[in-house]
Amino acid sequence: APVLNTDQQQHFRNWCSANTVNAFIDANMTLLNQTGLMSNRGRQNVASYLIHDLGIDWRLGAAYFEQRLMDYDCASNWGNWAYIAGTGNSQARHFNVQKQAQLYDPDGSFVHAITGVLAL
């Protein structure tokens, strides 16, 4: 298993519990934790955030999703996480989650519906 330093451990716990500094990420993680579901776009964003913004090994995120997803599929889950991380022959996919939130939740209605927070 990947070894995390103390800060990374806290960041990972916060990500898992939907307690990051990013409302869009938190809304997606809350949805996952409460329902076992998340859109593909949400999955890509939370994966990118964990890997590229928090510096956490992608395998921990893939394992967490394995535990939580109702529609879990081994190849899709691990393959998508590896794709976002840029393992093998692919380049890393680093999403600008603020831009993604503006594109896919421009009025903050998704974040508000899930978390009750107005994220404008």
Protein backbone atom coordinates (compact mmCIF):
# COMPACT_ATOMS: atom_id res chain seq x y z
CA ALA A 1 0.00 0.00 0.00
CA PRO A 2 1.19 3.54 -0.68
CA VAL A 3 2.78 5.31 2.27
CA LEU A 4 1.42 8.75 3.12
CA ASN A 5 2.99 11.42 5.26
CA THR A 6 0.94 13.02 8.04
CA ASP A 7 -0.40 15.85 5.85
CA GLN A 8 -1.34 13.45 3.07
CA GLN A 9 -3.14 11.20 5.55
CA GLN A 10 -5.23 14.16 6.70
CA HIS A 11 -5.91 15.28 3.13
CA PHE A 12 -7.02 11.76 2.22
CA ARG A 13 -9.34 11.54 5.24
CA ASN A 14 -10.81 14.94 4.35
CA TRP A 15 -11.30 13.88 0.72
CA CYS A 16 -13.01 10.64 1.77
CA SER A 17 -15.30 12.45 4.19
CA ALA A 18 -16.14 15.29 1.76
CA ASN A 19 -14.38 17.84 3.92
CA THR A 20 -11.96 19.49 1.49
CA VAL A 21 -11.70 23.20 0.75
CA ASN A 22 -13.55 22.70 -2.56
CA ALA A 23 -17.36 22.66 -2.48
CA PHE A 24 -17.66 20.96 -5.90
CA ILE A 25 -15.39 18.11 -4.81
CA ASP A 26 -17.20 17.86 -1.47
CA ALA A 27 -20.60 17.66 -3.16
CA ASN A 28 -19.45 14.82 -5.41
CA MET A 29 -17.87 12.94 -2.51
CA THR A 30 -20.98 13.46 -0.37
CA LEU A 31 -23.09 12.01 -3.16
CA LEU A 32 -20.78 8.99 -3.40
CA ASN A 33 -20.76 8.44 0.35
CA GLN A 34 -24.53 8.77 0.70
CA THR A 35 -25.69 6.94 -2.43
CA GLY A 36 -22.80 4.93 -3.85
CA LEU A 37 -23.22 6.84 -7.10
CA MET A 38 -21.38 9.61 -8.92
CA SER A 39 -21.42 10.86 -12.50
CA ASN A 40 -18.46 10.11 -14.73
CA ARG A 41 -17.56 13.82 -14.78
CA GLY A 42 -17.66 13.87 -10.99
CA ARG A 43 -15.44 10.80 -10.84
CA GLN A 44 -12.89 12.41 -13.11
CA ASN A 45 -12.88 15.62 -11.09
CA VAL A 46 -12.51 14.03 -7.68
CA ALA A 47 -9.81 11.70 -9.03
CA SER A 48 -7.86 14.56 -10.55
CA TYR A 49 -8.21 16.58 -7.35
CA LEU A 50 -6.97 13.73 -5.17
CA ILE A 51 -4.05 12.88 -7.42
CA HIS A 52 -2.88 16.22 -8.75
CA ASP A 53 -4.04 18.80 -6.22
CA LEU A 54 -3.57 16.79 -3.03
CA GLY A 55 -0.64 14.66 -4.23
CA ILE A 56 -2.19 11.37 -3.09
CA ASP A 57 -1.39 8.07 -4.81
CA TRP A 58 -4.19 7.22 -7.25
CA ARG A 59 -4.42 3.64 -5.97
CA LEU A 60 -5.88 4.86 -2.68
CA GLY A 61 -8.66 6.66 -4.51
CA ALA A 62 -9.35 3.63 -6.68
CA ALA A 63 -9.54 1.42 -3.60
CA TYR A 64 -11.90 3.87 -1.88
CA PHE A 65 -14.18 3.90 -4.92
CA GLU A 66 -14.08 0.11 -4.98
CA GLN A 67 -15.57 0.12 -1.48
CA ARG A 68 -18.20 2.77 -2.19
CA LEU A 69 -19.49 2.52 -5.75
CA MET A 70 -22.78 0.70 -6.27
CA ASP A 71 -21.96 0.29 -9.97
CA TYR A 72 -18.38 -0.80 -9.30
CA ASP A 73 -16.59 -2.52 -12.15
CA CYS A 74 -12.97 -3.48 -11.58
CA ALA A 75 -11.64 -2.68 -15.06
CA SER A 76 -13.54 0.59 -15.41
CA ASN A 77 -12.67 1.83 -11.94
CA TRP A 78 -8.98 1.01 -11.87
CA GLY A 79 -8.56 1.84 -15.55
CA ASN A 80 -10.11 5.28 -15.15
CA TRP A 81 -8.02 6.07 -12.08
CA ALA A 82 -4.84 4.99 -13.88
CA TYR A 83 -5.88 7.12 -16.88
CA ILE A 84 -6.36 10.27 -14.76
CA ALA A 85 -3.05 9.58 -12.99
CA GLY A 86 -1.20 9.17 -16.28
CA THR A 87 0.25 5.75 -15.60
CA GLY A 88 1.55 3.57 -18.40
CA ASN A 89 1.59 5.24 -21.80
CA SER A 90 -0.98 7.94 -21.11
CA GLN A 91 -0.34 11.48 -19.97
CA ALA A 92 -1.76 12.71 -16.68
CA ARG A 93 -5.18 14.36 -16.82
CA HIS A 94 -5.18 17.32 -14.45
CA PHE A 95 -8.62 18.91 -14.32
CA ASN A 96 -9.05 22.51 -13.23
CA VAL A 97 -11.86 21.73 -10.79
CA GLN A 98 -12.87 25.38 -10.41
CA LYS A 99 -13.33 25.64 -14.17
CA GLN A 100 -15.15 22.30 -14.20
CA ALA A 101 -17.52 23.55 -11.50
CA GLN A 102 -18.19 26.70 -13.54
CA LEU A 103 -18.86 24.62 -16.66
CA TYR A 104 -20.98 21.86 -15.13
CA ASP A 105 -22.56 23.60 -12.13
CA PRO A 106 -22.55 27.28 -13.13
CA ASP A 107 -25.29 28.33 -10.74
CA GLY A 108 -24.11 26.10 -7.89
CA SER A 109 -27.40 24.18 -7.84
CA PHE A 110 -25.71 20.76 -7.72
CA VAL A 111 -23.48 21.75 -4.81
CA HIS A 112 -26.42 23.36 -3.03
CA ALA A 113 -28.73 20.37 -3.56
CA ILE A 114 -26.16 17.94 -2.15
CA THR A 115 -24.51 19.98 0.61
CA GLY A 116 -26.91 22.82 1.33
CA VAL A 117 -24.04 25.24 0.69
CA LEU A 118 -24.39 28.09 -1.75
CA ALA A 119 -21.18 27.88 -3.77
CA LEU A 120 -21.24 30.98 -5.92
